[in-house]
Protein backbone atom coordinates (compact mmCIF):
# COMPACT_ATOMS: atom_id res chain seq x y z
CA UNK A 1 -24.78 -49.84 -135.80
CA UNK A 2 -26.25 -50.63 -139.21
CA UNK A 3 -28.73 -53.48 -139.19
CA UNK A 4 -30.45 -55.50 -141.87
CA UNK A 5 -34.08 -54.94 -142.87
CA UNK A 6 -36.86 -57.02 -141.42
CA UNK A 7 -36.62 -60.67 -142.38
CA UNK A 8 -39.00 -63.63 -142.23
CA UNK A 9 -39.69 -65.39 -138.96
CA UNK A 10 -38.94 -69.12 -139.15
CA UNK A 11 -41.67 -71.55 -138.19
CA UNK A 12 -41.12 -75.28 -137.75
CA UNK A 13 -41.82 -77.11 -140.96
CA UNK A 14 -41.31 -74.08 -143.17
CA UNK A 15 -38.32 -72.65 -144.96
CA UNK A 16 -38.63 -69.39 -143.05
CA UNK A 17 -41.36 -67.58 -144.96
CA UNK A 18 -44.41 -66.44 -143.04
CA UNK A 19 -46.86 -69.32 -142.95
CA UNK A 20 -50.41 -68.17 -142.29
CA UNK A 21 -51.30 -71.64 -141.00
CA UNK A 22 -48.50 -71.72 -138.44
CA UNK A 23 -49.42 -71.28 -134.76
CA UNK A 24 -49.34 -67.65 -133.68
CA UNK A 25 -48.24 -66.53 -137.17
CA UNK A 26 -50.17 -63.26 -137.07
CA UNK A 27 -49.00 -62.42 -133.57
CA UNK A 28 -45.35 -63.25 -134.25
CA UNK A 29 -45.46 -61.29 -137.48
CA UNK A 30 -46.89 -58.28 -135.68
CA UNK A 31 -44.30 -58.52 -132.90
CA UNK A 32 -41.58 -58.44 -135.55
CA UNK A 33 -43.14 -55.37 -137.17
CA UNK A 34 -43.48 -53.66 -133.79
CA UNK A 35 -39.79 -54.26 -133.14
CA UNK A 36 -38.89 -52.70 -136.48
CA UNK A 37 -40.88 -49.60 -135.54
CA UNK A 38 -39.25 -49.44 -132.11
CA UNK A 39 -35.73 -49.88 -133.50
CA UNK A 40 -36.06 -46.87 -135.78
CA UNK A 41 -37.28 -44.60 -132.98
CA UNK A 42 -34.87 -45.76 -130.29
CA UNK A 43 -31.76 -45.80 -132.49
CA UNK A 44 -32.54 -42.32 -133.79
CA UNK A 45 -32.19 -40.89 -130.27
CA UNK A 46 -29.50 -43.24 -128.92
CA UNK A 47 -26.41 -41.21 -128.15
CA UNK A 48 -28.11 -37.89 -128.94
CA UNK A 49 -26.57 -34.98 -127.05
CA UNK A 50 -30.00 -33.36 -126.62
CA UNK A 51 -31.81 -36.51 -125.39
CA UNK A 52 -34.49 -35.48 -122.89
CA UNK A 53 -34.38 -37.46 -119.64
CA UNK A 54 -36.85 -37.19 -116.76
CA UNK A 55 -37.18 -38.96 -113.40
CA UNK A 56 -40.25 -41.05 -112.61
CA UNK A 57 -41.76 -41.13 -109.08
CA UNK A 58 -39.57 -44.14 -108.24
CA UNK A 59 -36.51 -42.06 -109.30
CA UNK A 60 -35.76 -44.29 -112.30
CA UNK A 61 -35.07 -42.45 -115.57
CA UNK A 62 -37.42 -42.20 -118.52
CA UNK A 63 -36.49 -40.66 -121.86
CA UNK A 64 -38.43 -39.17 -124.71
CA UNK A 65 -37.52 -42.33 -126.65
CA UNK A 66 -39.16 -44.61 -124.04
CA UNK A 67 -42.40 -42.69 -124.40
CA UNK A 68 -42.27 -42.43 -128.20
CA UNK A 69 -41.56 -46.14 -128.65
CA UNK A 70 -44.43 -47.19 -126.40
CA UNK A 71 -46.86 -44.79 -128.06
CA UNK A 72 -45.94 -46.09 -131.53
CA UNK A 73 -46.28 -49.71 -130.46
CA UNK A 74 -49.64 -49.06 -128.84
CA UNK A 75 -50.94 -47.42 -132.01
CA UNK A 76 -49.76 -50.30 -134.21
CA UNK A 77 -51.35 -52.95 -131.97
CA UNK A 78 -54.63 -51.01 -131.85
CA UNK A 79 -54.69 -50.89 -135.63
CA UNK A 80 -54.18 -54.66 -135.99
CA UNK A 81 -55.92 -56.07 -132.90
CA UNK A 82 -58.24 -53.31 -131.61
CA UNK A 83 -59.86 -55.52 -128.97
CA UNK A 84 -56.56 -56.52 -127.33
CA UNK A 85 -55.45 -54.88 -124.08
CA UNK A 86 -52.08 -53.11 -124.15
CA UNK A 87 -49.99 -52.40 -121.06
CA UNK A 88 -46.60 -50.77 -120.90
CA UNK A 89 -44.06 -49.41 -118.47
CA UNK A 90 -44.60 -45.76 -119.33
CA UNK A 91 -48.38 -45.53 -119.75
CA UNK A 92 -49.67 -48.40 -117.61
CA UNK A 93 -52.58 -50.67 -118.42
CA UNK A 94 -53.27 -52.81 -115.35
CA UNK A 95 -52.46 -53.00 -111.65
CA UNK A 96 -49.09 -54.46 -110.64
CA UNK A 97 -49.34 -58.19 -109.93
CA UNK A 98 -52.67 -58.56 -111.74
CA UNK A 99 -52.64 -59.42 -115.42
CA UNK A 100 -56.19 -59.38 -116.80
CA UNK A 101 -57.72 -62.33 -118.64
CA UNK A 102 -57.84 -62.42 -122.41
CA UNK A 103 -55.22 -61.11 -124.83
CA UNK A 104 -52.82 -58.62 -123.27
CA UNK A 105 -49.77 -57.12 -124.97
CA UNK A 106 -47.13 -56.13 -122.43
CA UNK A 107 -44.45 -53.70 -123.54
CA UNK A 108 -41.19 -52.42 -122.12
CA UNK A 109 -40.21 -49.78 -124.68
CA UNK A 110 -36.59 -49.61 -123.52
CA UNK A 111 -35.40 -52.13 -120.97
CA UNK A 112 -32.08 -50.81 -119.70
CA UNK A 113 -32.88 -47.10 -119.84
CA UNK A 114 -29.90 -46.28 -117.61
CA UNK A 115 -27.63 -47.91 -120.19
CA UNK A 116 -29.44 -46.13 -123.01
CA UNK A 117 -28.93 -42.75 -121.36
CA UNK A 118 -25.21 -43.36 -120.86
CA UNK A 119 -24.58 -44.67 -124.37
CA UNK A 120 -24.10 -48.30 -123.31
CA UNK A 121 -25.53 -50.54 -126.07
CA UNK A 122 -27.09 -53.15 -123.74
CA UNK A 123 -30.76 -52.14 -123.91
CA UNK A 124 -33.75 -53.52 -125.76
CA UNK A 125 -37.44 -53.28 -126.56
CA UNK A 126 -39.44 -56.11 -124.97
CA UNK A 127 -42.74 -57.16 -126.58
CA UNK A 128 -45.00 -59.89 -125.19
CA UNK A 129 -48.46 -61.26 -125.80
CA UNK A 130 -50.05 -62.87 -122.76
CA UNK A 131 -53.18 -64.92 -123.33
CA UNK A 132 -55.27 -65.73 -120.25
CA UNK A 133 -52.27 -65.23 -118.02
CA UNK A 134 -49.83 -67.29 -120.09
CA UNK A 135 -46.95 -65.49 -121.87
CA UNK A 136 -47.45 -66.86 -125.38
CA UNK A 137 -45.32 -64.68 -127.66
CA UNK A 138 -42.12 -62.91 -126.71
CA UNK A 139 -39.73 -60.79 -128.75
CA UNK A 140 -36.66 -58.84 -127.64
CA UNK A 141 -34.94 -56.44 -130.02
CA UNK A 142 -31.56 -54.96 -129.12
CA UNK A 143 -30.70 -52.85 -132.17
CA UNK A 144 -27.51 -51.32 -130.73
CA UNK A 145 -26.21 -54.88 -130.30
CA UNK A 146 -27.55 -55.94 -133.69
CA UNK A 147 -29.50 -58.83 -132.11
CA UNK A 148 -33.06 -60.03 -131.91
CA UNK A 149 -34.61 -62.95 -129.99
CA UNK A 150 -38.16 -64.28 -130.25
CA UNK A 151 -40.39 -67.23 -129.37
CA UNK A 152 -43.94 -68.50 -129.49
CA UNK A 153 -45.38 -71.37 -127.50
CA UNK A 154 -44.92 -74.50 -129.57
CA UNK A 155 -42.77 -72.85 -132.27
CA UNK A 156 -39.44 -72.71 -130.45
CA UNK A 157 -37.10 -69.89 -129.43
CA UNK A 158 -34.86 -68.20 -131.97
CA UNK A 159 -32.21 -65.54 -132.35
CA UNK A 160 -30.77 -63.65 -135.28
CA UNK A 161 -27.82 -61.36 -135.84
CA UNK A 162 -28.95 -58.24 -137.67
CA UNK A 163 -25.52 -56.76 -138.33
CA UNK A 164 -24.73 -56.13 -141.97
CA UNK A 165 -22.15 -58.63 -143.20
CA UNK A 166 -22.92 -61.22 -140.52
CA UNK A 167 -24.75 -64.53 -140.95
CA UNK A 168 -28.45 -63.61 -140.74
CA UNK A 169 -29.68 -67.21 -140.57
CA UNK A 170 -32.01 -67.55 -137.55
CA UNK A 171 -30.59 -69.93 -134.94
CA UNK A 172 -32.73 -71.99 -132.60
CA UNK A 173 -31.95 -71.50 -128.93
CA UNK A 174 -31.11 -74.25 -126.45
CA UNK A 175 -30.14 -73.91 -122.80
CA UNK A 176 -26.99 -75.48 -121.37
CA UNK A 177 -26.66 -78.97 -119.92
CA UNK A 178 -24.89 -77.88 -116.73
CA UNK A 179 -26.42 -79.77 -113.80
CA UNK A 180 -24.16 -78.88 -110.85
CA UNK A 181 -24.17 -75.49 -109.16
CA UNK A 182 -20.41 -75.70 -108.71
CA UNK A 183 -20.05 -75.67 -112.50
CA UNK A 184 -22.64 -72.96 -113.16
CA UNK A 185 -22.26 -69.39 -114.42
CA UNK A 186 -24.61 -66.90 -112.72
CA UNK A 187 -25.50 -63.43 -114.06
CA UNK A 188 -27.46 -60.66 -112.37
CA UNK A 189 -28.10 -56.93 -112.75
CA UNK A 190 -26.32 -55.48 -109.70
CA UNK A 191 -25.94 -55.96 -105.96
CA UNK A 192 -28.34 -53.14 -105.16
CA UNK A 193 -31.89 -54.27 -104.50
CA UNK A 194 -31.06 -57.54 -102.77
CA UNK A 195 -32.25 -57.10 -99.20
CA UNK A 196 -33.14 -59.09 -96.11
CA UNK A 197 -34.10 -62.70 -96.87
CA UNK A 198 -33.58 -62.23 -100.60
CA UNK A 199 -29.99 -61.12 -99.96
CA UNK A 200 -29.33 -64.28 -97.95
CA UNK A 201 -30.36 -66.41 -100.92
CA UNK A 202 -28.36 -64.28 -103.32
CA UNK A 203 -25.22 -64.60 -101.22
CA UNK A 204 -25.71 -68.35 -100.89
CA UNK A 205 -26.02 -68.71 -104.64
CA UNK A 206 -22.94 -66.56 -105.30
CA UNK A 207 -20.94 -68.79 -102.97
CA UNK A 208 -22.20 -71.99 -104.60
CA UNK A 209 -21.58 -71.28 -108.30
CA UNK A 210 -18.45 -71.44 -110.45
CA UNK A 211 -18.49 -67.78 -111.44
CA UNK A 212 -20.63 -64.65 -111.43
CA UNK A 213 -21.00 -61.84 -113.93
CA UNK A 214 -23.30 -58.79 -114.00
CA UNK A 215 -24.45 -58.70 -117.63
CA UNK A 216 -27.71 -57.17 -116.42
CA UNK A 217 -31.33 -56.59 -117.32
CA UNK A 218 -32.84 -58.63 -120.19
CA UNK A 219 -29.44 -59.81 -121.41
CA UNK A 220 -28.71 -62.06 -118.42
CA UNK A 221 -31.88 -64.06 -119.03
CA UNK A 222 -31.36 -64.34 -122.77
CA UNK A 223 -27.85 -65.64 -122.21
CA UNK A 224 -29.47 -68.44 -120.22
CA UNK A 225 -31.73 -69.19 -123.20
CA UNK A 226 -28.64 -69.24 -125.44
CA UNK A 227 -26.80 -71.67 -123.17
CA UNK A 228 -23.99 -69.17 -122.50
CA UNK A 229 -25.05 -68.60 -118.87
CA UNK A 230 -26.80 -71.10 -116.60
CA UNK A 231 -28.59 -68.89 -114.04
CA UNK A 232 -29.93 -65.32 -114.03
CA UNK A 233 -31.75 -63.52 -111.23
CA UNK A 234 -33.24 -60.13 -110.44
CA UNK A 235 -34.68 -58.98 -107.09
CA UNK A 236 -37.30 -56.55 -108.39
CA UNK A 237 -39.29 -57.00 -111.57
CA UNK A 238 -42.53 -55.79 -113.11
CA UNK A 239 -44.55 -57.72 -115.67
CA UNK A 240 -43.07 -55.71 -118.57
CA UNK A 241 -39.54 -56.65 -117.44
CA UNK A 242 -40.13 -60.40 -117.68
CA UNK A 243 -43.19 -61.18 -119.86
CA UNK A 244 -41.34 -61.23 -123.20
CA UNK A 245 -38.50 -63.28 -121.73
CA UNK A 246 -40.65 -66.11 -120.37
CA UNK A 247 -41.60 -67.81 -123.68
CA UNK A 248 -38.05 -67.38 -125.02
CA UNK A 249 -36.58 -69.05 -121.94
CA UNK A 250 -39.12 -71.86 -121.72
CA UNK A 251 -39.11 -72.63 -125.45
CA UNK A 252 -35.31 -72.89 -125.22
CA UNK A 253 -35.73 -75.55 -122.53
CA UNK A 254 -35.21 -73.37 -119.47
CA UNK A 255 -37.32 -72.42 -116.47
CA UNK A 256 -38.26 -69.10 -114.88
CA UNK A 257 -40.17 -68.55 -111.63
CA UNK A 258 -40.35 -66.34 -108.57
CA UNK A 259 -37.94 -67.23 -105.77
CA UNK A 260 -40.61 -69.32 -104.07
CA UNK A 261 -41.59 -71.08 -107.30
CA UNK A 262 -44.49 -68.73 -108.00
CA UNK A 263 -45.52 -67.39 -111.40
CA UNK A 264 -42.69 -65.16 -112.65
CA UNK A 265 -45.15 -62.91 -114.47
CA UNK A 266 -46.65 -61.63 -111.22
CA UNK A 267 -43.77 -62.23 -108.79
CA UNK A 268 -41.80 -59.25 -107.51
CA UNK A 269 -38.51 -60.91 -108.43
CA UNK A 270 -37.54 -63.93 -110.48
CA UNK A 271 -34.75 -66.26 -111.46
CA UNK A 272 -34.07 -68.06 -114.70
CA UNK A 273 -32.17 -71.33 -115.09
CA UNK A 274 -31.47 -74.02 -117.64
CA UNK A 275 -34.09 -76.12 -115.85
CA UNK A 276 -31.60 -78.68 -114.54
CA UNK A 277 -30.44 -76.23 -111.87
CA UNK A 278 -33.82 -74.77 -110.96
CA UNK A 279 -34.50 -76.68 -107.77
CA UNK A 280 -30.96 -76.18 -106.50
CA UNK A 281 -31.22 -72.43 -107.09
CA UNK A 282 -34.65 -72.25 -105.48
CA UNK A 283 -33.24 -74.07 -102.44
CA UNK A 284 -30.86 -71.15 -101.90
CA UNK A 285 -33.87 -68.96 -101.08
CA UNK A 286 -35.97 -71.36 -98.99
């Protein structure tokens, strides 16, 4: 899919040009540049007949593109912010469940690697900046879909179509106003992974909502931020799976936590809602 070149990030009170005085301007600008770098690498190998795929110790796949994207992003961050910590899915950076204090960039080079390997276009690079434990900047770039989403605390959540010939005007995100579970649309990754007590909550939620779909991975949560879906949930997550999504969801008016209401960044699983439904969804698990 052909996409447009990098374009300015809109900040409130500006016409869209980069405003050096805007909150998080340098960090948002860098996240945009990192996504441009990642898009070139990942799209170059997407659909390649000779794509190299390995299995990690947990039996999940990793490709040469995953590794190359993360290495390129790490190098670019080090050049701009050499004192910042960088952690990523492929090369680590901190212990699971413990995000260090200070400025930490958390990267998932290709979220949805299984889709990437099979030629399914629902995959993305996830880029987050966490400051003292708070996800502050988040950007998701899905070049095969021609879409990008981003947010910074206090500057809103945005999306843009990057397909040539489409309207490239950034659009501010807003969650839905659905307030009853019986009217809600629920998306998840797949049935596998829901076990024991978690499965009981999952089944209760499936029975309570209007409809379910398995859009999967990052996309389920971003559809909540867009107001197209009302609830998204995943049973097993690492920090790099959720960090970039948190500011996009919350700046769009939504909520994201662990099943017990804990911090989604360090929880093993998490659910996203439009905020209005959050307590009702949480009640399915407690």
